[in-house]
Amino acid sequence: MTPLIRPFGTGLALAITVAVFYALCALVWALAPGPFLTFMNSLFHGMDFSSMVQPRPFAWPGFLAALLVLSTWALLAGTFFAWLLNRLTR
């Protein structure tokens, strides 16, 4: 029998992972916006995001709001994933 996965633990692990990677992404953007934009353009099959970039200072409220939304979404998605996987592998 396949061992059950803890749904909340899985969701929490995914939420923390998303939060860490989002923070790293924001840090790299703040430190090197030009090379980061080039990387993002390559990551999305050569799409050019430069027209969407508007120079403005870093804003903590916007960063924290996005971090909260992404982490909450990841928590819910990871919890649902583990719950569903447990149901499908019985």
N, C-alpha and C. Protein backbone atom coordinates (compact mmCIF):
# COMPACT_ATOMS: atom_id res chain seq x y z
N MET A 1 0.85 -1.18 0.00
CA MET A 1 0.00 0.00 0.00
C MET A 1 0.89 1.25 0.00
N THR A 2 0.53 2.21 -0.80
CA THR A 2 1.27 3.46 -0.88
C THR A 2 1.03 4.30 0.37
N PRO A 3 2.10 4.82 0.99
CA PRO A 3 1.91 5.65 2.19
C PRO A 3 1.20 6.95 1.82
N LEU A 4 0.38 7.41 2.73
CA LEU A 4 -0.35 8.67 2.49
C LEU A 4 0.58 9.86 2.65
N ILE A 5 0.30 10.88 1.87
CA ILE A 5 1.04 12.15 1.94
C ILE A 5 0.21 13.09 2.80
N ARG A 6 0.86 13.80 3.69
CA ARG A 6 0.15 14.76 4.53
C ARG A 6 -0.22 15.98 3.69
N PRO A 7 -1.51 16.22 3.44
CA PRO A 7 -1.91 17.32 2.56
C PRO A 7 -1.44 18.69 3.04
N PHE A 8 -1.64 19.01 4.32
CA PHE A 8 -1.24 20.35 4.78
C PHE A 8 0.27 20.51 4.75
N GLY A 9 1.01 19.47 5.12
CA GLY A 9 2.47 19.54 5.07
C GLY A 9 2.98 19.76 3.66
N THR A 10 2.35 19.08 2.70
CA THR A 10 2.73 19.26 1.30
C THR A 10 2.41 20.68 0.84
N GLY A 11 1.23 21.16 1.19
CA GLY A 11 0.85 22.53 0.82
C GLY A 11 1.78 23.56 1.44
N LEU A 12 2.14 23.34 2.70
CA LEU A 12 3.04 24.27 3.38
C LEU A 12 4.43 24.26 2.74
N ALA A 13 4.92 23.07 2.39
CA ALA A 13 6.23 22.98 1.73
C ALA A 13 6.21 23.71 0.40
N LEU A 14 5.13 23.56 -0.37
CA LEU A 14 5.04 24.26 -1.65
C LEU A 14 4.93 25.77 -1.44
N ALA A 15 4.16 26.20 -0.45
CA ALA A 15 4.01 27.63 -0.17
C ALA A 15 5.35 28.26 0.22
N ILE A 16 6.12 27.58 1.04
CA ILE A 16 7.43 28.11 1.44
C ILE A 16 8.38 28.15 0.24
N THR A 17 8.34 27.11 -0.57
CA THR A 17 9.19 27.07 -1.77
C THR A 17 8.86 28.23 -2.70
N VAL A 18 7.58 28.45 -2.95
CA VAL A 18 7.16 29.55 -3.82
C VAL A 18 7.57 30.89 -3.22
N ALA A 19 7.42 31.07 -1.93
CA ALA A 19 7.80 32.33 -1.27
C ALA A 19 9.29 32.59 -1.40
N VAL A 20 10.11 31.57 -1.18
CA VAL A 20 11.57 31.74 -1.29
C VAL A 20 11.97 32.09 -2.72
N PHE A 21 11.42 31.36 -3.69
CA PHE A 21 11.80 31.62 -5.07
C PHE A 21 11.27 32.96 -5.56
N TYR A 22 10.09 33.39 -5.09
CA TYR A 22 9.59 34.71 -5.46
C TYR A 22 10.49 35.81 -4.88
N ALA A 23 10.91 35.64 -3.64
CA ALA A 23 11.81 36.62 -3.01
C ALA A 23 13.15 36.67 -3.75
N LEU A 24 13.69 35.51 -4.12
CA LEU A 24 14.94 35.49 -4.89
C LEU A 24 14.77 36.16 -6.25
N CYS A 25 13.65 35.91 -6.88
CA CYS A 25 13.36 36.53 -8.18
C CYS A 25 13.32 38.05 -8.04
N ALA A 26 12.64 38.55 -7.02
CA ALA A 26 12.57 39.99 -6.79
C ALA A 26 13.94 40.58 -6.49
N LEU A 27 14.75 39.85 -5.73
CA LEU A 27 16.10 40.31 -5.41
C LEU A 27 16.96 40.42 -6.66
N VAL A 28 16.92 39.42 -7.50
CA VAL A 28 17.72 39.44 -8.73
C VAL A 28 17.25 40.59 -9.63
N TRP A 29 15.94 40.80 -9.71
CA TRP A 29 15.41 41.90 -10.52
C TRP A 29 15.91 43.25 -9.97
N ALA A 30 15.92 43.40 -8.65
CA ALA A 30 16.37 44.66 -8.04
C ALA A 30 17.87 44.89 -8.27
N LEU A 31 18.66 43.82 -8.25
CA LEU A 31 20.11 43.95 -8.38
C LEU A 31 20.57 44.06 -9.83
N ALA A 32 19.88 43.39 -10.74
CA ALA A 32 20.33 43.36 -12.14
C ALA A 32 19.14 43.30 -13.09
N PRO A 33 18.40 44.41 -13.22
CA PRO A 33 17.18 44.36 -14.04
C PRO A 33 17.43 44.06 -15.52
N GLY A 34 18.50 44.58 -16.08
CA GLY A 34 18.78 44.34 -17.51
C GLY A 34 19.02 42.87 -17.82
N PRO A 35 20.00 42.24 -17.17
CA PRO A 35 20.22 40.81 -17.42
C PRO A 35 19.02 39.95 -17.04
N PHE A 36 18.30 40.34 -16.00
CA PHE A 36 17.13 39.57 -15.61
C PHE A 36 16.05 39.63 -16.68
N LEU A 37 15.85 40.81 -17.27
CA LEU A 37 14.87 40.96 -18.34
C LEU A 37 15.27 40.11 -19.55
N THR A 38 16.55 40.08 -19.87
CA THR A 38 17.03 39.24 -20.96
C THR A 38 16.74 37.77 -20.67
N PHE A 39 16.99 37.35 -19.42
CA PHE A 39 16.70 35.97 -19.01
C PHE A 39 15.21 35.67 -19.15
N MET A 40 14.36 36.58 -18.68
CA MET A 40 12.91 36.35 -18.76
C MET A 40 12.45 36.28 -20.21
N ASN A 41 13.00 37.12 -21.07
CA ASN A 41 12.65 37.07 -22.49
C ASN A 41 13.00 35.70 -23.07
N SER A 42 14.15 35.18 -22.70
CA SER A 42 14.57 33.86 -23.19
C SER A 42 13.70 32.75 -22.60
N LEU A 43 13.34 32.89 -21.34
CA LEU A 43 12.54 31.88 -20.67
C LEU A 43 11.17 31.73 -21.33
N PHE A 44 10.64 32.83 -21.82
CA PHE A 44 9.32 32.81 -22.46
C PHE A 44 9.44 32.84 -23.98
N HIS A 45 10.33 32.01 -24.50
CA HIS A 45 10.46 31.76 -25.94
C HIS A 45 10.69 33.02 -26.76
N GLY A 46 11.47 33.92 -26.23
CA GLY A 46 11.85 35.11 -26.99
C GLY A 46 10.85 36.24 -26.96
N MET A 47 9.79 36.13 -26.16
CA MET A 47 8.85 37.25 -26.06
C MET A 47 9.61 38.44 -25.47
N ASP A 48 9.27 39.64 -25.91
CA ASP A 48 9.96 40.84 -25.44
C ASP A 48 9.10 41.56 -24.41
N PHE A 49 9.55 41.50 -23.16
CA PHE A 49 8.81 42.15 -22.07
C PHE A 49 9.29 43.58 -21.80
N SER A 50 10.26 44.05 -22.57
CA SER A 50 10.85 45.37 -22.27
C SER A 50 9.84 46.50 -22.38
N SER A 51 8.83 46.37 -23.22
CA SER A 51 7.84 47.45 -23.35
C SER A 51 6.95 47.55 -22.10
N MET A 52 6.92 46.50 -21.29
CA MET A 52 6.10 46.52 -20.08
C MET A 52 6.84 47.08 -18.87
N VAL A 53 8.14 47.29 -18.99
CA VAL A 53 8.94 47.75 -17.87
C VAL A 53 8.83 49.26 -17.73
N GLN A 54 8.46 49.70 -16.54
CA GLN A 54 8.39 51.12 -16.23
C GLN A 54 9.31 51.39 -15.04
N PRO A 55 10.24 52.32 -15.20
CA PRO A 55 11.15 52.59 -14.08
C PRO A 55 10.39 53.15 -12.87
N ARG A 56 10.54 52.48 -11.76
CA ARG A 56 9.94 52.96 -10.50
C ARG A 56 10.68 52.30 -9.35
N PRO A 57 10.66 52.92 -8.20
CA PRO A 57 11.39 52.35 -7.05
C PRO A 57 10.70 51.09 -6.53
N PHE A 58 11.50 50.29 -5.84
CA PHE A 58 10.98 49.09 -5.22
C PHE A 58 9.94 49.46 -4.17
N ALA A 59 8.83 48.73 -4.13
CA ALA A 59 7.77 49.02 -3.17
C ALA A 59 7.50 47.78 -2.31
N TRP A 60 7.79 47.89 -1.04
CA TRP A 60 7.56 46.77 -0.12
C TRP A 60 6.10 46.32 -0.08
N PRO A 61 5.13 47.24 -0.04
CA PRO A 61 3.73 46.78 0.01
C PRO A 61 3.35 45.89 -1.18
N GLY A 62 3.78 46.27 -2.37
CA GLY A 62 3.48 45.46 -3.55
C GLY A 62 4.17 44.10 -3.50
N PHE A 63 5.43 44.09 -3.06
CA PHE A 63 6.17 42.84 -2.93
C PHE A 63 5.49 41.92 -1.92
N LEU A 64 5.15 42.47 -0.76
CA LEU A 64 4.54 41.64 0.29
C LEU A 64 3.15 41.14 -0.10
N ALA A 65 2.38 41.97 -0.80
CA ALA A 65 1.05 41.54 -1.26
C ALA A 65 1.18 40.38 -2.25
N ALA A 66 2.08 40.51 -3.20
CA ALA A 66 2.28 39.43 -4.17
C ALA A 66 2.81 38.17 -3.49
N LEU A 67 3.71 38.34 -2.54
CA LEU A 67 4.25 37.20 -1.79
C LEU A 67 3.13 36.46 -1.04
N LEU A 68 2.24 37.21 -0.42
CA LEU A 68 1.12 36.61 0.31
C LEU A 68 0.17 35.88 -0.64
N VAL A 69 -0.17 36.51 -1.75
CA VAL A 69 -1.10 35.89 -2.71
C VAL A 69 -0.50 34.61 -3.28
N LEU A 70 0.74 34.67 -3.72
CA LEU A 70 1.38 33.48 -4.31
C LEU A 70 1.54 32.36 -3.29
N SER A 71 1.92 32.70 -2.08
CA SER A 71 2.10 31.68 -1.03
C SER A 71 0.77 31.04 -0.64
N THR A 72 -0.27 31.84 -0.54
CA THR A 72 -1.59 31.30 -0.21
C THR A 72 -2.08 30.37 -1.32
N TRP A 73 -1.92 30.81 -2.55
CA TRP A 73 -2.32 29.98 -3.69
C TRP A 73 -1.54 28.66 -3.70
N ALA A 74 -0.24 28.72 -3.44
CA ALA A 74 0.59 27.52 -3.42
C ALA A 74 0.18 26.60 -2.27
N LEU A 75 -0.15 27.17 -1.12
CA LEU A 75 -0.62 26.36 0.02
C LEU A 75 -1.89 25.60 -0.36
N LEU A 76 -2.83 26.30 -0.96
CA LEU A 76 -4.09 25.65 -1.35
C LEU A 76 -3.86 24.62 -2.45
N ALA A 77 -3.06 24.95 -3.44
CA ALA A 77 -2.79 24.02 -4.54
C ALA A 77 -2.05 22.79 -4.06
N GLY A 78 -1.04 22.97 -3.21
CA GLY A 78 -0.28 21.84 -2.69
C GLY A 78 -1.11 20.95 -1.79
N THR A 79 -1.96 21.55 -0.97
CA THR A 79 -2.84 20.78 -0.10
C THR A 79 -3.83 19.97 -0.93
N PHE A 80 -4.41 20.59 -1.93
CA PHE A 80 -5.34 19.88 -2.81
C PHE A 80 -4.64 18.77 -3.57
N PHE A 81 -3.44 19.05 -4.07
CA PHE A 81 -2.67 18.03 -4.80
C PHE A 81 -2.45 16.79 -3.94
N ALA A 82 -1.98 16.98 -2.71
CA ALA A 82 -1.72 15.84 -1.83
C ALA A 82 -3.00 15.11 -1.48
N TRP A 83 -4.07 15.85 -1.22
CA TRP A 83 -5.36 15.23 -0.92
C TRP A 83 -5.82 14.37 -2.09
N LEU A 84 -5.75 14.93 -3.29
CA LEU A 84 -6.18 14.21 -4.49
C LEU A 84 -5.29 13.00 -4.76
N LEU A 85 -3.99 13.18 -4.60
CA LEU A 85 -3.06 12.05 -4.81
C LEU A 85 -3.37 10.92 -3.83
N ASN A 86 -3.67 11.25 -2.59
CA ASN A 86 -4.03 10.22 -1.62
C ASN A 86 -5.30 9.48 -2.05
N ARG A 87 -6.26 10.19 -2.59
CA ARG A 87 -7.51 9.56 -3.04
C ARG A 87 -7.28 8.67 -4.27
N LEU A 88 -6.44 9.10 -5.16
CA LEU A 88 -6.21 8.36 -6.41
C LEU A 88 -5.32 7.16 -6.25
N THR A 89 -4.50 7.13 -5.20
CA THR A 89 -3.55 6.03 -5.03
C THR A 89 -4.00 5.02 -3.98
N ARG A 90 -5.22 5.08 -3.54
CA ARG A 90 -5.74 4.10 -2.56
C ARG A 90 -5.86 2.74 -3.19
